[in-house]
Amino acid sequence: AYTPKFNVVFTNDPLSRQLFAEAGFKVEGIKFYRRTFYSATYVRGKMLKGENWENLVPAAVARYIKQIGGVERLRNLTKTDKVKPSQPKAPLQRPP
């Protein structure tokens, strides 16, 4: 596989950080934002139940998901699942 040229590696994985640093790359960590609230499982659960999910993702992400029919695609995928997705737990924190 080919990778375009890059100047910085962004990772929080210790092994990736070590390997890229040893190879001479500049490595920076990624700041996590309210990880207990921004749960993909929780967002997908909201989508599947027909509840508001747009406020849980950046506006550009919500637009893109709508543009590609992401909610419908997710519903179609879960229709064929033999095991239904578990009920997502509510996030530990609510946004202000």
PDB file of N, CA and C in Angstrom:
ATOM      1  N   ALA A   1       0.841  -1.178   0.000  1.00  0.00           N
ATOM      2  CA  ALA A   1       0.000   0.000   0.000  1.00  0.00           C
ATOM      3  C   ALA A   1       0.887   1.242   0.000  1.00  0.00           C
ATOM      4  N   TYR A   2       0.380   2.267  -0.619  1.00  0.00           N
ATOM      5  CA  TYR A   2       1.113   3.527  -0.688  1.00  0.00           C
ATOM      6  C   TYR A   2       0.454   4.539   0.229  1.00  0.00           C
ATOM      7  N   THR A   3       1.270   5.314   0.875  1.00  0.00           N
ATOM      8  CA  THR A   3       0.800   6.357   1.773  1.00  0.00           C
ATOM      9  C   THR A   3       1.363   7.679   1.297  1.00  0.00           C
ATOM     10  N   PRO A   4       0.519   8.718   1.240  1.00  0.00           N
ATOM     11  CA  PRO A   4       1.064  10.018   0.846  1.00  0.00           C
ATOM     12  C   PRO A   4       2.087  10.501   1.870  1.00  0.00           C
ATOM     13  N   LYS A   5       2.924  11.404   1.452  1.00  0.00           N
ATOM     14  CA  LYS A   5       3.950  11.958   2.335  1.00  0.00           C
ATOM     15  C   LYS A   5       3.278  12.685   3.497  1.00  0.00           C
ATOM     16  N   PHE A   6       3.844  12.528   4.680  1.00  0.00           N
ATOM     17  CA  PHE A   6       3.306  13.196   5.856  1.00  0.00           C
ATOM     18  C   PHE A   6       4.447  13.662   6.735  1.00  0.00           C
ATOM     19  N   ASN A   7       4.153  14.670   7.560  1.00  0.00           N
ATOM     20  CA  ASN A   7       5.164  15.261   8.431  1.00  0.00           C
ATOM     21  C   ASN A   7       4.996  14.889   9.893  1.00  0.00           C
ATOM     22  N   VAL A   8       3.767  14.564  10.290  1.00  0.00           N
ATOM     23  CA  VAL A   8       3.467  14.301  11.694  1.00  0.00           C
ATOM     24  C   VAL A   8       2.592  13.060  11.788  1.00  0.00           C
ATOM     25  N   VAL A   9       2.845  12.254  12.806  1.00  0.00           N
ATOM     26  CA  VAL A   9       2.004  11.096  13.100  1.00  0.00           C
ATOM     27  C   VAL A   9       1.205  11.432  14.354  1.00  0.00           C
ATOM     28  N   PHE A  10      -0.120  11.278  14.283  1.00  0.00           N
ATOM     29  CA  PHE A  10      -0.982  11.513  15.434  1.00  0.00           C
ATOM     30  C   PHE A  10      -1.446  10.167  15.966  1.00  0.00           C
ATOM     31  N   THR A  11      -1.069   9.859  17.192  1.00  0.00           N
ATOM     32  CA  THR A  11      -1.472   8.599  17.809  1.00  0.00           C
ATOM     33  C   THR A  11      -1.353   8.690  19.317  1.00  0.00           C
ATOM     34  N   ASN A  12      -2.175   7.910  20.001  1.00  0.00           N
ATOM     35  CA  ASN A  12      -2.042   7.751  21.446  1.00  0.00           C
ATOM     36  C   ASN A  12      -1.618   6.334  21.795  1.00  0.00           C
ATOM     37  N   ASP A  13      -1.455   5.512  20.789  1.00  0.00           N
ATOM     38  CA  ASP A  13      -1.033   4.133  21.000  1.00  0.00           C
ATOM     39  C   ASP A  13       0.458   4.101  21.331  1.00  0.00           C
ATOM     40  N   PRO A  14       0.832   3.537  22.481  1.00  0.00           N
ATOM     41  CA  PRO A  14       2.244   3.558  22.888  1.00  0.00           C
ATOM     42  C   PRO A  14       3.189   2.881  21.894  1.00  0.00           C
ATOM     43  N   LEU A  15       2.789   1.747  21.341  1.00  0.00           N
ATOM     44  CA  LEU A  15       3.669   1.058  20.400  1.00  0.00           C
ATOM     45  C   LEU A  15       3.842   1.865  19.119  1.00  0.00           C
ATOM     46  N   SER A  16       2.750   2.372  18.567  1.00  0.00           N
ATOM     47  CA  SER A  16       2.846   3.190  17.355  1.00  0.00           C
ATOM     48  C   SER A  16       3.707   4.416  17.607  1.00  0.00           C
ATOM     49  N   ARG A  17       3.507   5.032  18.759  1.00  0.00           N
ATOM     50  CA  ARG A  17       4.293   6.221  19.122  1.00  0.00           C
ATOM     51  C   ARG A  17       5.780   5.881  19.132  1.00  0.00           C
ATOM     52  N   GLN A  18       6.131   4.785  19.781  1.00  0.00           N
ATOM     53  CA  GLN A  18       7.534   4.382  19.882  1.00  0.00           C
ATOM     54  C   GLN A  18       8.127   4.073  18.510  1.00  0.00           C
ATOM     55  N   LEU A  19       7.410   3.288  17.711  1.00  0.00           N
ATOM     56  CA  LEU A  19       7.941   2.880  16.409  1.00  0.00           C
ATOM     57  C   LEU A  19       8.136   4.067  15.470  1.00  0.00           C
ATOM     58  N   PHE A  20       7.160   4.956  15.415  1.00  0.00           N
ATOM     59  CA  PHE A  20       7.298   6.117  14.534  1.00  0.00           C
ATOM     60  C   PHE A  20       8.384   7.065  15.030  1.00  0.00           C
ATOM     61  N   ALA A  21       8.471   7.248  16.340  1.00  0.00           N
ATOM     62  CA  ALA A  21       9.518   8.119  16.893  1.00  0.00           C
ATOM     63  C   ALA A  21      10.897   7.540  16.592  1.00  0.00           C
ATOM     64  N   GLU A  22      11.056   6.227  16.759  1.00  0.00           N
ATOM     65  CA  GLU A  22      12.339   5.584  16.463  1.00  0.00           C
ATOM     66  C   GLU A  22      12.692   5.686  14.984  1.00  0.00           C
ATOM     67  N   ALA A  23      11.668   5.768  14.133  1.00  0.00           N
ATOM     68  CA  ALA A  23      11.898   5.895  12.693  1.00  0.00           C
ATOM     69  C   ALA A  23      12.161   7.344  12.294  1.00  0.00           C
ATOM     70  N   GLY A  24      12.135   8.250  13.281  1.00  0.00           N
ATOM     71  CA  GLY A  24      12.474   9.640  13.008  1.00  0.00           C
ATOM     72  C   GLY A  24      11.305  10.555  12.712  1.00  0.00           C
ATOM     73  N   PHE A  25      10.083  10.087  12.915  1.00  0.00           N
ATOM     74  CA  PHE A  25       8.915  10.924  12.653  1.00  0.00           C
ATOM     75  C   PHE A  25       8.551  11.742  13.886  1.00  0.00           C
ATOM     76  N   LYS A  26       7.987  12.910  13.646  1.00  0.00           N
ATOM     77  CA  LYS A  26       7.429  13.711  14.728  1.00  0.00           C
ATOM     78  C   LYS A  26       6.106  13.054  15.116  1.00  0.00           C
ATOM     79  N   VAL A  27       5.906  12.806  16.405  1.00  0.00           N
ATOM     80  CA  VAL A  27       4.701  12.128  16.880  1.00  0.00           C
ATOM     81  C   VAL A  27       3.997  13.028  17.883  1.00  0.00           C
ATOM     82  N   GLU A  28       2.689  13.191  17.704  1.00  0.00           N
ATOM     83  CA  GLU A  28       1.883  13.990  18.626  1.00  0.00           C
ATOM     84  C   GLU A  28       0.693  13.176  19.093  1.00  0.00           C
ATOM     85  N   GLY A  29       0.296  13.415  20.333  1.00  0.00           N
ATOM     86  CA  GLY A  29      -0.878  12.748  20.880  1.00  0.00           C
ATOM     87  C   GLY A  29      -2.158  13.406  20.402  1.00  0.00           C
ATOM     88  N   ILE A  30      -3.240  12.693  20.571  1.00  0.00           N
ATOM     89  CA  ILE A  30      -4.557  13.180  20.182  1.00  0.00           C
ATOM     90  C   ILE A  30      -5.321  13.506  21.455  1.00  0.00           C
ATOM     91  N   LYS A  31      -5.853  14.708  21.534  1.00  0.00           N
ATOM     92  CA  LYS A  31      -6.638  15.096  22.701  1.00  0.00           C
ATOM     93  C   LYS A  31      -8.026  14.468  22.580  1.00  0.00           C
ATOM     94  N   PHE A  32      -8.446  13.792  23.617  1.00  0.00           N
ATOM     95  CA  PHE A  32      -9.775  13.190  23.619  1.00  0.00           C
ATOM     96  C   PHE A  32     -10.774  14.177  24.205  1.00  0.00           C
ATOM     97  N   TYR A  33     -11.941  14.252  23.589  1.00  0.00           N
ATOM     98  CA  TYR A  33     -12.980  15.163  24.024  1.00  0.00           C
ATOM     99  C   TYR A  33     -14.151  14.375  24.581  1.00  0.00           C
ATOM    100  N   ARG A  34     -14.363  14.473  25.879  1.00  0.00           N
ATOM    101  CA  ARG A  34     -15.539  13.898  26.535  1.00  0.00           C
ATOM    102  C   ARG A  34     -15.853  12.504  26.002  1.00  0.00           C
ATOM    103  N   ARG A  35     -14.881  11.622  26.098  1.00  0.00           N
ATOM    104  CA  ARG A  35     -15.033  10.269  25.560  1.00  0.00           C
ATOM    105  C   ARG A  35     -16.191   9.513  26.184  1.00  0.00           C
ATOM    106  N   THR A  36     -16.510   9.796  27.448  1.00  0.00           N
ATOM    107  CA  THR A  36     -17.619   9.088  28.080  1.00  0.00           C
ATOM    108  C   THR A  36     -18.956   9.499  27.483  1.00  0.00           C
ATOM    109  N   PHE A  37     -18.997  10.662  26.861  1.00  0.00           N
ATOM    110  CA  PHE A  37     -20.243  11.105  26.236  1.00  0.00           C
ATOM    111  C   PHE A  37     -20.305  10.726  24.767  1.00  0.00           C
ATOM    112  N   TYR A  38     -19.211  10.906  24.052  1.00  0.00           N
ATOM    113  CA  TYR A  38     -19.205  10.654  22.621  1.00  0.00           C
ATOM    114  C   TYR A  38     -18.890   9.192  22.355  1.00  0.00           C
ATOM    115  N   SER A  39     -19.889   8.360  22.497  1.00  0.00           N
ATOM    116  CA  SER A  39     -19.767   6.921  22.310  1.00  0.00           C
ATOM    117  C   SER A  39     -20.455   6.538  21.006  1.00  0.00           C
ATOM    118  N   ALA A  40     -19.723   5.889  20.108  1.00  0.00           N
ATOM    119  CA  ALA A  40     -20.300   5.483  18.824  1.00  0.00           C
ATOM    120  C   ALA A  40     -21.459   4.514  19.032  1.00  0.00           C
ATOM    121  N   THR A  41     -21.346   3.627  20.015  1.00  0.00           N
ATOM    122  CA  THR A  41     -22.429   2.682  20.302  1.00  0.00           C
ATOM    123  C   THR A  41     -23.689   3.438  20.698  1.00  0.00           C
ATOM    124  N   TYR A  42     -23.525   4.455  21.521  1.00  0.00           N
ATOM    125  CA  TYR A  42     -24.661   5.262  21.962  1.00  0.00           C
ATOM    126  C   TYR A  42     -25.287   6.008  20.785  1.00  0.00           C
ATOM    127  N   VAL A  43     -24.461   6.595  19.931  1.00  0.00           N
ATOM    128  CA  VAL A  43     -24.959   7.337  18.767  1.00  0.00           C
ATOM    129  C   VAL A  43     -25.704   6.389  17.828  1.00  0.00           C
ATOM    130  N   ARG A  44     -25.133   5.228  17.548  1.00  0.00           N
ATOM    131  CA  ARG A  44     -25.813   4.255  16.672  1.00  0.00           C
ATOM    132  C   ARG A  44     -27.135   3.802  17.280  1.00  0.00           C
ATOM    133  N   GLY A  45     -27.157   3.614  18.587  1.00  0.00           N
ATOM    134  CA  GLY A  45     -28.403   3.232  19.254  1.00  0.00           C
ATOM    135  C   GLY A  45     -29.477   4.285  19.070  1.00  0.00           C
ATOM    136  N   LYS A  46     -29.092   5.549  19.196  1.00  0.00           N
ATOM    137  CA  LYS A  46     -30.039   6.651  18.972  1.00  0.00           C
ATOM    138  C   LYS A  46     -30.565   6.621  17.536  1.00  0.00           C
ATOM    139  N   MET A  47     -29.671   6.393  16.587  1.00  0.00           N
ATOM    140  CA  MET A  47     -30.072   6.327  15.180  1.00  0.00           C
ATOM    141  C   MET A  47     -31.089   5.214  14.966  1.00  0.00           C
ATOM    142  N   LEU A  48     -30.800   4.036  15.508  1.00  0.00           N
ATOM    143  CA  LEU A  48     -31.673   2.883  15.311  1.00  0.00           C
ATOM    144  C   LEU A  48     -33.037   3.075  15.951  1.00  0.00           C
ATOM    145  N   LYS A  49     -33.098   3.815  17.063  1.00  0.00           N
ATOM    146  CA  LYS A  49     -34.373   4.052  17.742  1.00  0.00           C
ATOM    147  C   LYS A  49     -35.113   5.264  17.184  1.00  0.00           C
ATOM    148  N   GLY A  50     -34.519   5.942  16.197  1.00  0.00           N
ATOM    149  CA  GLY A  50     -35.165   7.107  15.613  1.00  0.00           C
ATOM    150  C   GLY A  50     -35.112   8.332  16.509  1.00  0.00           C
ATOM    151  N   GLU A  51     -34.181   8.349  17.439  1.00  0.00           N
ATOM    152  CA  GLU A  51     -34.038   9.482  18.348  1.00  0.00           C
ATOM    153  C   GLU A  51     -33.029  10.482  17.799  1.00  0.00           C
ATOM    154  N   ASN A  52     -32.999  11.667  18.398  1.00  0.00           N
ATOM    155  CA  ASN A  52     -32.071  12.709  17.965  1.00  0.00           C
ATOM    156  C   ASN A  52     -30.635  12.282  18.265  1.00  0.00           C
ATOM    157  N   TRP A  53     -29.809  12.248  17.246  1.00  0.00           N
ATOM    158  CA  TRP A  53     -28.395  11.890  17.385  1.00  0.00           C
ATOM    159  C   TRP A  53     -27.490  12.987  16.850  1.00  0.00           C
ATOM    160  N   GLU A  54     -28.059  13.894  16.070  1.00  0.00           N
ATOM    161  CA  GLU A  54     -27.258  14.903  15.382  1.00  0.00           C
ATOM    162  C   GLU A  54     -26.462  15.793  16.337  1.00  0.00           C
ATOM    163  N   ASN A  55     -27.004  16.029  17.530  1.00  0.00           N
ATOM    164  CA  ASN A  55     -26.295  16.891  18.482  1.00  0.00           C
ATOM    165  C   ASN A  55     -25.106  16.176  19.133  1.00  0.00           C
ATOM    166  N   LEU A  56     -24.941  14.895  18.858  1.00  0.00           N
ATOM    167  CA  LEU A  56     -23.851  14.117  19.448  1.00  0.00           C
ATOM    168  C   LEU A  56     -22.623  14.034  18.555  1.00  0.00           C
ATOM    169  N   VAL A  57     -22.732  14.574  17.344  1.00  0.00           N
ATOM    170  CA  VAL A  57     -21.607  14.539  16.401  1.00  0.00           C
ATOM    171  C   VAL A  57     -21.398  15.939  15.832  1.00  0.00           C
ATOM    172  N   PRO A  58     -20.213  16.233  15.312  1.00  0.00           N
ATOM    173  CA  PRO A  58     -20.013  17.535  14.664  1.00  0.00           C
ATOM    174  C   PRO A  58     -21.003  17.721  13.509  1.00  0.00           C
ATOM    175  N   ALA A  59     -21.384  18.962  13.245  1.00  0.00           N
ATOM    176  CA  ALA A  59     -22.367  19.266  12.199  1.00  0.00           C
ATOM    177  C   ALA A  59     -21.958  18.685  10.851  1.00  0.00           C
ATOM    178  N   ALA A  60     -20.682  18.751  10.509  1.00  0.00           N
ATOM    179  CA  ALA A  60     -20.219  18.219   9.225  1.00  0.00           C
ATOM    180  C   ALA A  60     -20.412  16.709   9.158  1.00  0.00           C
ATOM    181  N   VAL A  61     -20.234  16.029  10.272  1.00  0.00           N
ATOM    182  CA  VAL A  61     -20.427  14.573  10.313  1.00  0.00           C
ATOM    183  C   VAL A  61     -21.904  14.243  10.131  1.00  0.00           C
ATOM    184  N   ALA A  62     -22.785  14.978  10.814  1.00  0.00           N
ATOM    185  CA  ALA A  62     -24.225  14.752  10.671  1.00  0.00           C
ATOM    186  C   ALA A  62     -24.659  14.967   9.224  1.00  0.00           C
ATOM    187  N   ARG A  63     -24.159  16.024   8.593  1.00  0.00           N
ATOM    188  CA  ARG A  63     -24.506  16.284   7.185  1.00  0.00           C
ATOM    189  C   ARG A  63     -24.051  15.138   6.296  1.00  0.00           C
ATOM    190  N   TYR A  64     -22.840  14.656   6.517  1.00  0.00           N
ATOM    191  CA  TYR A  64     -22.308  13.575   5.689  1.00  0.00           C
ATOM    192  C   TYR A  64     -23.104  12.286   5.890  1.00  0.00           C
ATOM    193  N   ILE A  65     -23.421  11.960   7.126  1.00  0.00           N
ATOM    194  CA  ILE A  65     -24.200  10.744   7.393  1.00  0.00           C
ATOM    195  C   ILE A  65     -25.547  10.828   6.692  1.00  0.00           C
ATOM    196  N   LYS A  66     -26.177  11.998   6.736  1.00  0.00           N
ATOM    197  CA  LYS A  66     -27.455  12.177   6.040  1.00  0.00           C
ATOM    198  C   LYS A  66     -27.271  12.095   4.528  1.00  0.00           C
ATOM    199  N   GLN A  67     -26.207  12.681   4.024  1.00  0.00           N
ATOM    200  CA  GLN A  67     -25.934  12.702   2.583  1.00  0.00           C
ATOM    201  C   GLN A  67     -25.794  11.287   2.020  1.00  0.00           C
ATOM    202  N   ILE A  68     -25.145  10.406   2.764  1.00  0.00           N
ATOM    203  CA  ILE A  68     -24.926   9.040   2.261  1.00  0.00           C
ATOM    204  C   ILE A  68     -26.017   8.068   2.709  1.00  0.00           C
ATOM    205  N   GLY A  69     -27.041   8.575   3.389  1.00  0.00           N
ATOM    206  CA  GLY A  69     -28.102   7.695   3.884  1.00  0.00           C
ATOM    207  C   GLY A  69     -27.609   6.764   4.979  1.00  0.00           C
ATOM    208  N   GLY A  70     -26.751   7.276   5.833  1.00  0.00           N
ATOM    209  CA  GLY A  70     -26.107   6.459   6.853  1.00  0.00           C
ATOM    210  C   GLY A  70     -27.055   5.788   7.826  1.00  0.00           C
ATOM    211  N   VAL A  71     -28.107   6.486   8.239  1.00  0.00           N
ATOM    212  CA  VAL A  71     -29.047   5.896   9.194  1.00  0.00           C
ATOM    213  C   VAL A  71     -29.774   4.726   8.534  1.00  0.00           C
ATOM    214  N   GLU A  72     -30.210   4.909   7.303  1.00  0.00           N
ATOM    215  CA  GLU A  72     -30.888   3.832   6.588  1.00  0.00           C
ATOM    216  C   GLU A  72     -29.946   2.654   6.363  1.00  0.00           C
ATOM    217  N   ARG A  73     -28.705   2.938   6.048  1.00  0.00           N
ATOM    218  CA  ARG A  73     -27.722   1.869   5.855  1.00  0.00           C
ATOM    219  C   ARG A  73     -27.528   1.084   7.145  1.00  0.00           C
ATOM    220  N   LEU A  74     -27.447   1.793   8.261  1.00  0.00           N
ATOM    221  CA  LEU A  74     -27.290   1.138   9.557  1.00  0.00           C
ATOM    222  C   LEU A  74     -28.501   0.258   9.857  1.00  0.00           C
ATOM    223  N   ARG A  75     -29.689   0.777   9.608  1.00  0.00           N
ATOM    224  CA  ARG A  75     -30.910  -0.013   9.839  1.00  0.00           C
ATOM    225  C   ARG A  75     -30.925  -1.259   8.958  1.00  0.00           C
ATOM    226  N   ASN A  76     -30.528  -1.111   7.704  1.00  0.00           N
ATOM    227  CA  ASN A  76     -30.484  -2.270   6.807  1.00  0.00           C
ATOM    228  C   ASN A  76     -29.480  -3.310   7.282  1.00  0.00           C
ATOM    229  N   LEU A  77     -28.338  -2.858   7.772  1.00  0.00           N
ATOM    230  CA  LEU A  77     -27.331  -3.795   8.281  1.00  0.00           C
ATOM    231  C   LEU A  77     -27.844  -4.569   9.484  1.00  0.00           C
ATOM    232  N   THR A  78     -28.555  -3.894  10.371  1.00  0.00           N
ATOM    233  CA  THR A  78     -29.020  -4.581  11.577  1.00  0.00           C
ATOM    234  C   THR A  78     -30.196  -5.501  11.291  1.00  0.00           C
ATOM    235  N   LYS A  79     -30.906  -5.305  10.185  1.00  0.00           N
ATOM    236  CA  LYS A  79     -32.000  -6.210   9.816  1.00  0.00           C
ATOM    237  C   LYS A  79     -31.483  -7.614   9.542  1.00  0.00           C
ATOM    238  N   THR A  80     -30.282  -7.707   9.012  1.00  0.00           N
ATOM    239  CA  THR A  80     -29.740  -9.012   8.649  1.00  0.00           C
ATOM    240  C   THR A  80     -28.935  -9.647   9.774  1.00  0.00           C
ATOM    241  N   ASP A  81     -28.741  -8.932  10.866  1.00  0.00           N
ATOM    242  CA  ASP A  81     -28.003  -9.490  11.999  1.00  0.00           C
ATOM    243  C   ASP A  81     -28.817 -10.591  12.660  1.00  0.00           C
ATOM    244  N   LYS A  82     -28.177 -11.711  12.948  1.00  0.00           N
ATOM    245  CA  LYS A  82     -28.855 -12.786  13.667  1.00  0.00           C
ATOM    246  C   LYS A  82     -28.999 -12.431  15.136  1.00  0.00           C
ATOM    247  N   VAL A  83     -28.033 -11.698  15.635  1.00  0.00           N
ATOM    248  CA  VAL A  83     -28.080 -11.229  17.017  1.00  0.00           C
ATOM    249  C   VAL A  83     -28.328  -9.732  16.962  1.00  0.00           C
ATOM    250  N   LYS A  84     -29.393  -9.317  17.601  1.00  0.00           N
ATOM    251  CA  LYS A  84     -29.724  -7.893  17.595  1.00  0.00           C
ATOM    252  C   LYS A  84     -28.730  -7.131  18.467  1.00  0.00           C
ATOM    253  N   PRO A  85     -28.419  -5.882  18.077  1.00  0.00           N
ATOM    254  CA  PRO A  85     -27.465  -5.103  18.871  1.00  0.00           C
ATOM    255  C   PRO A  85     -27.977  -4.905  20.285  1.00  0.00           C
ATOM    256  N   SER A  86     -27.066  -4.928  21.240  1.00  0.00           N
ATOM    257  CA  SER A  86     -27.457  -4.723  22.630  1.00  0.00           C
ATOM    258  C   SER A  86     -27.909  -3.284  22.820  1.00  0.00           C
ATOM    259  N   GLN A  87     -28.713  -3.098  23.812  1.00  0.00           N
ATOM    260  CA  GLN A  87     -29.197  -1.755  24.117  1.00  0.00           C
ATOM    261  C   GLN A  87     -28.023  -0.919  24.605  1.00  0.00           C
ATOM    262  N   PRO A  88     -27.711   0.186  23.941  1.00  0.00           N
ATOM    263  CA  PRO A  88     -26.581   0.999  24.398  1.00  0.00           C
ATOM    264  C   PRO A  88     -26.880   1.640  25.741  1.00  0.00           C
ATOM    265  N   LYS A  89     -25.868   1.722  26.549  1.00  0.00           N
ATOM    266  CA  LYS A  89     -26.003   2.389  27.839  1.00  0.00           C
ATOM    267  C   LYS A  89     -25.928   3.893  27.623  1.00  0.00           C
ATOM    268  N   ALA A  90     -26.636   4.599  28.454  1.00  0.00           N
ATOM    269  CA  ALA A  90     -26.576   6.061  28.382  1.00  0.00           C
ATOM    270  C   ALA A  90     -25.168   6.508  28.730  1.00  0.00           C
ATOM    271  N   PRO A  91     -24.729   7.615  28.152  1.00  0.00           N
ATOM    272  CA  PRO A  91     -23.388   8.104  28.469  1.00  0.00           C
ATOM    273  C   PRO A  91     -23.287   8.476  29.942  1.00  0.00           C
ATOM    274  N   LEU A  92     -22.076   8.469  30.432  1.00  0.00           N
ATOM    275  CA  LEU A  92     -21.845   8.809  31.830  1.00  0.00           C
ATOM    276  C   LEU A  92     -22.030  10.290  32.093  1.00  0.00           C
ATOM    277  N   GLN A  93     -21.835  11.104  31.068  1.00  0.00           N
ATOM    278  CA  GLN A  93     -21.966  12.550  31.228  1.00  0.00           C
ATOM    279  C   GLN A  93     -22.921  13.075  30.171  1.00  0.00           C
ATOM    280  N   ARG A  94     -23.663  14.065  30.511  1.00  0.00           N
ATOM    281  CA  ARG A  94     -24.526  14.758  29.552  1.00  0.00           C
ATOM    282  C   ARG A  94     -23.878  16.083  29.201  1.00  0.00           C
ATOM    283  N   PRO A  95     -24.063  16.541  27.961  1.00  0.00           N
ATOM    284  CA  PRO A  95     -23.499  17.847  27.619  1.00  0.00           C
ATOM    285  C   PRO A  95     -24.233  18.944  28.374  1.00  0.00           C
ATOM    286  N   PRO A  96     -23.572  20.064  28.601  1.00  0.00           N
ATOM    287  CA  PRO A  96     -24.219  21.171  29.335  1.00  0.00           C
ATOM    288  C   PRO A  96     -25.397  21.734  28.574  1.00  0.00           C
TER     289      PRO A  96
END
